[in-house]
C-alpha atoms as a PDB file:
ATOM      1  CA  MET A   1       0.152   0.349   0.133  1.00  0.00           C
ATOM      2  CA  LEU A   2       3.032   2.619   0.854  1.00  0.00           C
ATOM      3  CA  ALA A   3       4.587   1.230  -2.646  1.00  0.00           C
ATOM      4  CA  GLN A   4       1.430   3.269  -4.318  1.00  0.00           C
ATOM      5  CA  LEU A   5       1.240   5.528  -2.620  1.00  0.00           C
ATOM      6  CA  LYS A   6       4.312   6.249  -3.637  1.00  0.00           C
ATOM      7  CA  GLU A   7       3.260   6.325  -6.870  1.00  0.00           C
ATOM      8  CA  ASN A   8       0.442   7.910  -7.051  1.00  0.00           C
ATOM      9  CA  ILE A   9       2.716  11.179  -5.596  1.00  0.00           C
ATOM     10  CA  THR A  10       4.810  10.990  -8.171  1.00  0.00           C
ATOM     11  CA  ASP A  11       1.877  10.857 -10.955  1.00  0.00           C
ATOM     12  CA  ILE A  12       1.076  13.664  -9.504  1.00  0.00           C
ATOM     13  CA  LEU A  13       4.349  15.262  -8.387  1.00  0.00           C
ATOM     14  CA  PHE A  14       6.288  14.213 -12.183  1.00  0.00           C
ATOM     15  CA  PRO A  15       3.801  12.898 -14.572  1.00  0.00           C
ATOM     16  CA  ARG A  16       4.722  10.538 -16.799  1.00  0.00           C
ATOM     17  CA  ARG A  17       4.615  12.708 -21.012  1.00  0.00           C
ATOM     18  CA  CYS A  18       4.390  11.094 -24.255  1.00  0.00           C
ATOM     19  CA  PRO A  19       8.140  11.318 -25.183  1.00  0.00           C
ATOM     20  CA  LEU A  20       6.487  12.325 -28.506  1.00  0.00           C
ATOM     21  CA  CYS A  21       4.048  15.097 -27.770  1.00  0.00           C
ATOM     22  CA  GLY A  22       4.872  15.738 -24.527  1.00  0.00           C
ATOM     23  CA  SER A  23       0.880  14.765 -23.311  1.00  0.00           C
ATOM     24  CA  VAL A  24       0.424  13.362 -20.068  1.00  0.00           C
ATOM     25  CA  ILE A  25       0.391   9.425 -19.727  1.00  0.00           C
ATOM     26  CA  ASN A  26      -0.931   7.072 -18.041  1.00  0.00           C
ATOM     27  CA  ARG A  27       2.364   4.821 -15.906  1.00  0.00           C
ATOM     28  CA  ASN A  28       1.894   2.177 -18.741  1.00  0.00           C
ATOM     29  CA  GLU A  29       2.038   3.331 -22.098  1.00  0.00           C
ATOM     30  CA  ARG A  30       4.507   4.618 -23.087  1.00  0.00           C
ATOM     31  CA  ILE A  31       3.012   7.461 -25.871  1.00  0.00           C
ATOM     32  CA  CYS A  32      -0.232   8.786 -25.963  1.00  0.00           C
ATOM     33  CA  SER A  33      -3.354   8.051 -27.624  1.00  0.00           C
ATOM     34  CA  ARG A  34      -3.026  10.254 -30.418  1.00  0.00           C
ATOM     35  CA  CYS A  35       0.802   9.407 -31.227  1.00  0.00           C
ATOM     36  CA  SER A  36      -0.501   5.897 -31.421  1.00  0.00           C
ATOM     37  CA  LYS A  37      -2.555   6.602 -34.132  1.00  0.00           C
ATOM     38  CA  ASP A  38      -0.483   9.000 -36.079  1.00  0.00           C
ATOM     39  CA  VAL A  39       3.282   7.132 -35.622  1.00  0.00           C
ATOM     40  CA  GLU A  40       3.619   5.604 -38.706  1.00  0.00           C
ATOM     41  CA  PHE A  41       6.564   2.595 -38.468  1.00  0.00           C
ATOM     42  CA  ILE A  42       8.112   0.527 -41.939  1.00  0.00           C
ATOM     43  CA  ARG A  43       7.259  -1.760 -43.191  1.00  0.00           C
ATOM     44  CA  ARG A  44       8.668  -4.190 -45.548  1.00  0.00           C
ATOM     45  CA  PRO A  45      10.013  -4.706 -47.771  1.00  0.00           C
ATOM     46  CA  ILE A  46      12.386  -2.151 -47.697  1.00  0.00           C
ATOM     47  CA  CYS A  47      15.550  -0.487 -49.703  1.00  0.00           C
ATOM     48  CA  ARG A  48      18.087  -2.854 -48.392  1.00  0.00           C
ATOM     49  CA  THR A  49      20.740   0.767 -48.907  1.00  0.00           C
ATOM     50  CA  CYS A  50      18.588   3.598 -47.656  1.00  0.00           C
ATOM     51  CA  GLY A  51      16.631   1.690 -45.355  1.00  0.00           C
ATOM     52  CA  ARG A  52      12.705   3.154 -46.810  1.00  0.00           C
ATOM     53  CA  PRO A  53      10.208   1.281 -47.179  1.00  0.00           C
ATOM     54  CA  LEU A  54      10.280   0.481 -51.098  1.00  0.00           C
ATOM     55  CA  TYR A  55       7.284   2.127 -52.178  1.00  0.00           C
ATOM     56  CA  THR A  56       8.998   5.756 -51.841  1.00  0.00           C
ATOM     57  CA  CYS A  57      12.632   4.753 -51.955  1.00  0.00           C
ATOM     58  CA  ASP A  58      14.393   7.043 -54.418  1.00  0.00           C
ATOM     59  CA  CYS A  59      17.958   6.479 -53.751  1.00  0.00           C
ATOM     60  CA  ARG A  60      20.579   4.995 -56.570  1.00  0.00           C
ATOM     61  CA  ARG A  61      22.750   2.003 -55.819  1.00  0.00           C
ATOM     62  CA  GLY A  62      26.612   2.791 -55.269  1.00  0.00           C
ATOM     63  CA  GLN A  63      25.370   6.528 -53.774  1.00  0.00           C
ATOM     64  CA  TYR A  64      26.863   5.667 -50.173  1.00  0.00           C
ATOM     65  CA  ALA A  65      29.781   4.411 -48.487  1.00  0.00           C
ATOM     66  CA  PHE A  66      27.883   3.057 -46.020  1.00  0.00           C
ATOM     67  CA  VAL A  67      26.933  -0.287 -46.909  1.00  0.00           C
ATOM     68  CA  ARG A  68      23.144   0.350 -45.543  1.00  0.00           C
ATOM     69  CA  ASN A  69      21.047   2.067 -43.480  1.00  0.00           C
ATOM     70  CA  VAL A  70      17.755   1.108 -41.878  1.00  0.00           C
ATOM     71  CA  SER A  71      15.374   3.060 -38.563  1.00  0.00           C
ATOM     72  CA  PRO A  72      12.042   2.512 -37.133  1.00  0.00           C
ATOM     73  CA  LEU A  73      10.192   5.163 -38.140  1.00  0.00           C
ATOM     74  CA  VAL A  74       8.902   7.411 -41.027  1.00  0.00           C
ATOM     75  CA  TYR A  75       9.525  11.027 -39.830  1.00  0.00           C
ATOM     76  CA  THR A  76       5.906  11.905 -40.216  1.00  0.00           C
ATOM     77  CA  ARG A  77       3.075  13.371 -37.725  1.00  0.00           C
ATOM     78  CA  ALA A  78       3.779  11.658 -34.189  1.00  0.00           C
ATOM     79  CA  ALA A  79       7.819  10.968 -34.905  1.00  0.00           C
ATOM     80  CA  LYS A  80       8.209  14.156 -36.052  1.00  0.00           C
ATOM     81  CA  ARG A  81       7.051  16.089 -33.045  1.00  0.00           C
ATOM     82  CA  GLY A  82       9.049  13.904 -31.374  1.00  0.00           C
ATOM     83  CA  ILE A  83      12.036  14.267 -33.140  1.00  0.00           C
ATOM     84  CA  ARG A  84      11.395  18.600 -32.992  1.00  0.00           C
ATOM     85  CA  ARG A  85      11.268  17.873 -28.863  1.00  0.00           C
ATOM     86  CA  MET A  86      13.591  15.750 -28.524  1.00  0.00           C
ATOM     87  CA  LYS A  87      16.362  18.085 -30.252  1.00  0.00           C
ATOM     88  CA  PHE A  88      14.993  20.839 -28.732  1.00  0.00           C
ATOM     89  CA  ASN A  89      12.832  20.370 -26.282  1.00  0.00           C
ATOM     90  CA  ASN A  90      16.148  18.825 -24.042  1.00  0.00           C
ATOM     91  CA  SER A  91      14.059  16.016 -23.988  1.00  0.00           C
ATOM     92  CA  PRO A  92      15.067  12.390 -22.127  1.00  0.00           C
ATOM     93  CA  SER A  93      12.667  10.409 -22.449  1.00  0.00           C
ATOM     94  CA  SER A  94      12.531  10.914 -26.464  1.00  0.00           C
ATOM     95  CA  CYS A  95      15.848  10.308 -26.569  1.00  0.00           C
ATOM     96  CA  THR A  96      14.617   6.664 -24.939  1.00  0.00           C
ATOM     97  CA  TYR A  97      11.566   6.259 -27.123  1.00  0.00           C
ATOM     98  CA  PHE A  98      14.230   6.566 -30.049  1.00  0.00           C
ATOM     99  CA  GLY A  99      16.890   4.700 -28.767  1.00  0.00           C
ATOM    100  CA  LYS A 100      15.046   1.264 -27.721  1.00  0.00           C
ATOM    101  CA  LEU A 101      13.216   2.084 -31.513  1.00  0.00           C
ATOM    102  CA  MET A 102      16.689   1.520 -33.093  1.00  0.00           C
ATOM    103  CA  ALA A 103      17.761  -0.919 -31.194  1.00  0.00           C
ATOM    104  CA  ASN A 104      15.550  -3.367 -31.511  1.00  0.00           C
ATOM    105  CA  VAL A 105      15.494  -2.611 -35.998  1.00  0.00           C
ATOM    106  CA  VAL A 106      19.165  -3.478 -35.668  1.00  0.00           C
ATOM    107  CA  ARG A 107      18.478  -6.767 -33.495  1.00  0.00           C
ATOM    108  CA  ARG A 108      15.966  -7.521 -36.286  1.00  0.00           C
ATOM    109  CA  GLU A 109      17.818  -5.626 -39.854  1.00  0.00           C
ATOM    110  CA  TYR A 110      21.797  -6.963 -39.028  1.00  0.00           C
ATOM    111  CA  THR A 111      22.852  -8.626 -35.750  1.00  0.00           C
ATOM    112  CA  ASP A 112      20.200 -11.519 -36.173  1.00  0.00           C
ATOM    113  CA  ILE A 113      21.772 -12.091 -39.987  1.00  0.00           C
ATOM    114  CA  GLY A 114      25.117 -12.185 -38.330  1.00  0.00           C
ATOM    115  CA  ILE A 115      26.547  -8.889 -38.483  1.00  0.00           C
ATOM    116  CA  ASN A 116      28.447  -7.872 -35.550  1.00  0.00           C
ATOM    117  CA  PHE A 117      29.526  -4.194 -34.027  1.00  0.00           C
ATOM    118  CA  ASP A 118      32.795  -3.597 -32.390  1.00  0.00           C
ATOM    119  CA  CYS A 119      31.637   0.868 -31.790  1.00  0.00           C
ATOM    120  CA  VAL A 120      28.372   2.474 -32.233  1.00  0.00           C
ATOM    121  CA  ILE A 121      29.137   6.608 -33.070  1.00  0.00           C
ATOM    122  CA  GLY A 122      27.133   8.732 -33.086  1.00  0.00           C
ATOM    123  CA  VAL A 123      26.931  11.932 -36.023  1.00  0.00           C
ATOM    124  CA  PRO A 124      28.637  14.995 -34.199  1.00  0.00           C
ATOM    125  CA  MET A 125      27.938  18.499 -33.441  1.00  0.00           C
ATOM    126  CA  HIS A 126      29.910  21.447 -33.764  1.00  0.00           C
ATOM    127  CA  SER A 127      31.155  22.518 -30.708  1.00  0.00           C
ATOM    128  CA  ASP A 128      29.167  26.134 -31.044  1.00  0.00           C
ATOM    129  CA  ASP A 129      26.045  23.953 -32.302  1.00  0.00           C
ATOM    130  CA  TYR A 130      26.952  22.031 -28.718  1.00  0.00           C
ATOM    131  CA  ARG A 131      27.451  25.373 -26.615  1.00  0.00           C
ATOM    132  CA  ASN A 132      24.044  26.549 -27.897  1.00  0.00           C
ATOM    133  CA  ARG A 133      21.375  23.098 -27.652  1.00  0.00           C
ATOM    134  CA  GLY A 134      23.435  22.142 -24.756  1.00  0.00           C
ATOM    135  CA  TYR A 135      23.699  18.297 -25.423  1.00  0.00           C
ATOM    136  CA  ASN A 136      23.638  16.288 -29.327  1.00  0.00           C
ATOM    137  CA  GLN A 137      20.859  14.109 -30.037  1.00  0.00           C
ATOM    138  CA  ALA A 138      22.884  11.542 -32.347  1.00  0.00           C
ATOM    139  CA  ALA A 139      24.718  10.765 -29.069  1.00  0.00           C
ATOM    140  CA  LEU A 140      22.535  10.504 -26.692  1.00  0.00           C
ATOM    141  CA  LEU A 141      20.625   7.924 -29.064  1.00  0.00           C
ATOM    142  CA  ALA A 142      24.322   6.368 -29.756  1.00  0.00           C
ATOM    143  CA  LYS A 143      24.206   6.317 -25.536  1.00  0.00           C
ATOM    144  CA  ILE A 144      21.505   4.164 -25.658  1.00  0.00           C
ATOM    145  CA  VAL A 145      21.769   1.871 -28.558  1.00  0.00           C
ATOM    146  CA  ALA A 146      24.808   1.615 -27.383  1.00  0.00           C
ATOM    147  CA  GLU A 147      23.881   0.351 -23.995  1.00  0.00           C
ATOM    148  CA  GLU A 148      21.009  -1.937 -25.814  1.00  0.00           C
ATOM    149  CA  LEU A 149      22.902  -4.001 -27.662  1.00  0.00           C
ATOM    150  CA  GLU A 150      25.343  -3.957 -24.597  1.00  0.00           C
ATOM    151  CA  LEU A 151      28.200  -2.535 -27.316  1.00  0.00           C
ATOM    152  CA  PRO A 152      31.443   0.263 -27.039  1.00  0.00           C
ATOM    153  CA  HIS A 153      29.907   3.673 -27.444  1.00  0.00           C
ATOM    154  CA  TYR A 154      32.775   6.314 -29.702  1.00  0.00           C
ATOM    155  CA  ILE A 155      32.373   9.785 -28.050  1.00  0.00           C
ATOM    156  CA  HIS A 156      34.447  12.573 -29.239  1.00  0.00           C
ATOM    157  CA  VAL A 157      36.842   9.820 -32.298  1.00  0.00           C
ATOM    158  CA  LEU A 158      34.302  11.494 -34.416  1.00  0.00           C
ATOM    159  CA  VAL A 159      34.681  14.676 -34.387  1.00  0.00           C
ATOM    160  CA  LYS A 160      32.731  17.933 -36.770  1.00  0.00           C
ATOM    161  CA  TYR A 161      35.418  20.826 -36.550  1.00  0.00           C
ATOM    162  CA  ARG A 162      34.224  23.196 -39.091  1.00  0.00           C
ATOM    163  CA  LYS A 163      30.238  24.617 -39.392  1.00  0.00           C
ATOM    164  CA  ASN A 164      28.293  24.207 -42.022  1.00  0.00           C
ATOM    165  CA  SER A 165      25.071  26.147 -43.020  1.00  0.00           C
ATOM    166  CA  ALA A 166      22.108  23.786 -41.735  1.00  0.00           C
ATOM    167  CA  GLN A 167      20.654  21.348 -44.448  1.00  0.00           C
ATOM    168  CA  HIS A 168      18.108  21.190 -43.946  1.00  0.00           C
ATOM    169  CA  THR A 169      17.050  24.413 -46.271  1.00  0.00           C
ATOM    170  CA  LEU A 170      19.487  23.358 -49.213  1.00  0.00           C
ATOM    171  CA  SER A 171      19.557  20.975 -52.286  1.00  0.00           C
ATOM    172  CA  PHE A 172      20.753  17.678 -52.793  1.00  0.00           C
ATOM    173  CA  LYS A 173      23.289  18.713 -54.675  1.00  0.00           C
ATOM    174  CA  GLU A 174      24.487  20.938 -51.960  1.00  0.00           C
ATOM    175  CA  ARG A 175      23.584  19.323 -49.686  1.00  0.00           C
ATOM    176  CA  GLN A 176      26.476  16.689 -50.942  1.00  0.00           C
ATOM    177  CA  GLN A 177      28.545  19.579 -51.025  1.00  0.00           C
ATOM    178  CA  ASN A 178      27.929  20.922 -48.781  1.00  0.00           C
ATOM    179  CA  ILE A 179      28.674  17.884 -45.714  1.00  0.00           C
ATOM    180  CA  LYS A 180      32.175  17.268 -47.226  1.00  0.00           C
ATOM    181  CA  GLY A 181      35.118  18.045 -45.122  1.00  0.00           C
ATOM    182  CA  VAL A 182      33.574  19.230 -42.376  1.00  0.00           C
ATOM    183  CA  PHE A 183      34.438  15.620 -40.536  1.00  0.00           C
ATOM    184  CA  ARG A 184      37.629  14.041 -39.240  1.00  0.00           C
ATOM    185  CA  VAL A 185      38.485  11.234 -35.894  1.00  0.00           C
ATOM    186  CA  ALA A 186      40.675  11.935 -33.979  1.00  0.00           C
ATOM    187  CA  MET A 187      41.706   9.123 -32.494  1.00  0.00           C
ATOM    188  CA  PRO A 188      41.926   6.551 -35.330  1.00  0.00           C
ATOM    189  CA  GLU A 189      43.794   3.991 -33.634  1.00  0.00           C
ATOM    190  CA  MET A 190      39.500   3.871 -32.316  1.00  0.00           C
ATOM    191  CA  ILE A 191      37.805   2.789 -34.824  1.00  0.00           C
ATOM    192  CA  ARG A 192      40.895   1.183 -37.261  1.00  0.00           C
ATOM    193  CA  GLY A 193      39.758  -2.098 -38.869  1.00  0.00           C
ATOM    194  CA  CYS A 194      36.617  -1.544 -36.990  1.00  0.00           C
ATOM    195  CA  THR A 195      33.077  -2.333 -37.963  1.00  0.00           C
ATOM    196  CA  VAL A 196      30.882   0.498 -37.239  1.00  0.00           C
ATOM    197  CA  LEU A 197      27.305   1.258 -35.904  1.00  0.00           C
ATOM    198  CA  LEU A 198      26.152   5.200 -36.789  1.00  0.00           C
ATOM    199  CA  CYS A 199      23.345   6.625 -35.621  1.00  0.00           C
ATOM    200  CA  ASP A 200      21.647   9.714 -36.176  1.00  0.00           C
ATOM    201  CA  ASP A 201      18.652  11.112 -35.476  1.00  0.00           C
ATOM    202  CA  VAL A 202      16.270  11.796 -39.022  1.00  0.00           C
ATOM    203  CA  THR A 203      18.263  10.146 -42.835  1.00  0.00           C
ATOM    204  CA  THR A 204      16.711  12.504 -45.419  1.00  0.00           C
ATOM    205  CA  SER A 205      19.586  12.787 -48.404  1.00  0.00           C
ATOM    206  CA  GLY A 206      21.837  10.613 -46.565  1.00  0.00           C
ATOM    207  CA  SER A 207      24.679  12.819 -47.319  1.00  0.00           C
ATOM    208  CA  THR A 208      25.910  13.287 -43.373  1.00  0.00           C
ATOM    209  CA  LEU A 209      25.464   9.583 -42.737  1.00  0.00           C
ATOM    210  CA  ASN A 210      28.234   9.392 -46.105  1.00  0.00           C
ATOM    211  CA  GLU A 211      30.812  11.789 -45.469  1.00  0.00           C
ATOM    212  CA  CYS A 212      30.281  10.136 -41.890  1.00  0.00           C
ATOM    213  CA  ALA A 213      30.983   7.076 -43.507  1.00  0.00           C
ATOM    214  CA  LEU A 214      33.947   8.074 -45.942  1.00  0.00           C
ATOM    215  CA  THR A 215      36.167   9.567 -43.429  1.00  0.00           C
ATOM    216  CA  LEU A 216      35.936   6.987 -40.803  1.00  0.00           C
ATOM    217  CA  LEU A 217      36.667   4.913 -43.684  1.00  0.00           C
ATOM    218  CA  GLU A 218      39.550   6.688 -44.709  1.00  0.00           C
ATOM    219  CA  ALA A 219      41.036   6.966 -41.297  1.00  0.00           C
ATOM    220  CA  GLY A 220      40.766   2.624 -41.220  1.00  0.00           C
ATOM    221  CA  ALA A 221      37.224   1.765 -40.341  1.00  0.00           C
ATOM    222  CA  LYS A 222      36.626  -2.013 -42.291  1.00  0.00           C
ATOM    223  CA  SER A 223      32.824  -1.298 -43.108  1.00  0.00           C
ATOM    224  CA  VAL A 224      29.801   1.618 -41.836  1.00  0.00           C
ATOM    225  CA  TYR A 225      26.601   0.690 -40.849  1.00  0.00           C
ATOM    226  CA  CYS A 226      23.842   3.165 -40.114  1.00  0.00           C
ATOM    227  CA  VAL A 227      20.885   3.005 -38.040  1.00  0.00           C
ATOM    228  CA  THR A 228      18.299   6.416 -37.405  1.00  0.00           C
ATOM    229  CA  ALA A 229      15.776   7.157 -35.062  1.00  0.00           C
ATOM    230  CA  THR A 230      13.887   7.773 -38.584  1.00  0.00           C
ATOM    231  CA  VAL A 231      13.595   8.124 -42.233  1.00  0.00           C
ATOM    232  CA  SER A 232      12.559  11.091 -45.104  1.00  0.00           C
ATOM    233  CA  VAL A 233      10.054   9.942 -47.645  1.00  0.00           C
ATOM    234  CA  LEU A 234       9.551  11.642 -50.627  1.00  0.00           C
ATOM    235  CA  SER A 235       6.503  13.324 -49.443  1.00  0.00           C
ATOM    236  CA  GLU A 236       9.074  14.907 -46.205  1.00  0.00           C
ATOM    237  CA  MET A 237      12.117  15.647 -49.857  1.00  0.00           C
ATOM    238  CA  PRO A 238      11.219  18.453 -52.513  1.00  0.00           C
ATOM    239  CA  ALA A 239      14.962  18.337 -52.339  1.00  0.00           C
ATOM    240  CA  ILE A 240      15.580  14.531 -53.015  1.00  0.00           C
ATOM    241  CA  LYS A 241      12.176  14.476 -56.084  1.00  0.00           C
ATOM    242  CA  ALA A 242      13.315  17.707 -57.645  1.00  0.00           C
ATOM    243  CA  ALA A 243      16.778  15.461 -58.113  1.00  0.00           C
ATOM    244  CA  ALA A 244      15.210  13.267 -60.336  1.00  0.00           C
ATOM    245  CA  PHE A 245      16.630   9.896 -59.125  1.00  0.00           C
ATOM    246  CA  ASN A 246      15.532   6.547 -60.598  1.00  0.00           C
ATOM    247  CA  THR A 247      14.129   3.980 -58.500  1.00  0.00           C
ATOM    248  CA  PRO A 248      16.524   1.021 -57.515  1.00  0.00           C
ATOM    249  CA  TRP A 249      13.604  -1.834 -56.434  1.00  0.00           C
ATOM    250  CA  LEU A 250      15.942  -3.740 -54.423  1.00  0.00           C
END
């Protein structure tokens, strides 16, 4: 009875909130009923390169330096609210929600078919951006994924040493040029010969993941696989639609 009373008091003073929209939820709920209706999980068949559902895949074979990307959610409605909450409202519950989903999809799409990772790395932020925000959501996601999968989480190994313009403001070709040469590996001995799992919050054009993968491979990594919390679909990617790529039905 005392334990139940403590739980009730805790729920009143510190109510649980939906990791996607921030509304109050019951103790036995993961997300609120509205977000449960809005969240869109990625269903098979999926592209075995970019990780998008096949009906919306718009990547090209051989385009990326990483082997493959996987994601649990489509970047629409509830997932978009959650990503924004995680990035701009300093919401640890959002990081935990997305991180656990990412770990689950890594198990299903990678480890269950025999792909073993040596380390987990989050896409880094420039130091100026880190100071402004106070945290790097990709690093937080990587930490949770690493804990769930019982893998080493490397920080300060891959660094972003040059600032660039915000990717979401640019066309596809501009994104590729904008991100070129902004990363470096500070401790190459840590990833030499390693199979790396690279984490980020959203895949749009894939340019950021690709540049990180190139940097890691040039520093001696054996291979790079990616996992992101969400992936944009064509309706959310006007810059990619404008590129008019041929769709590879993998």
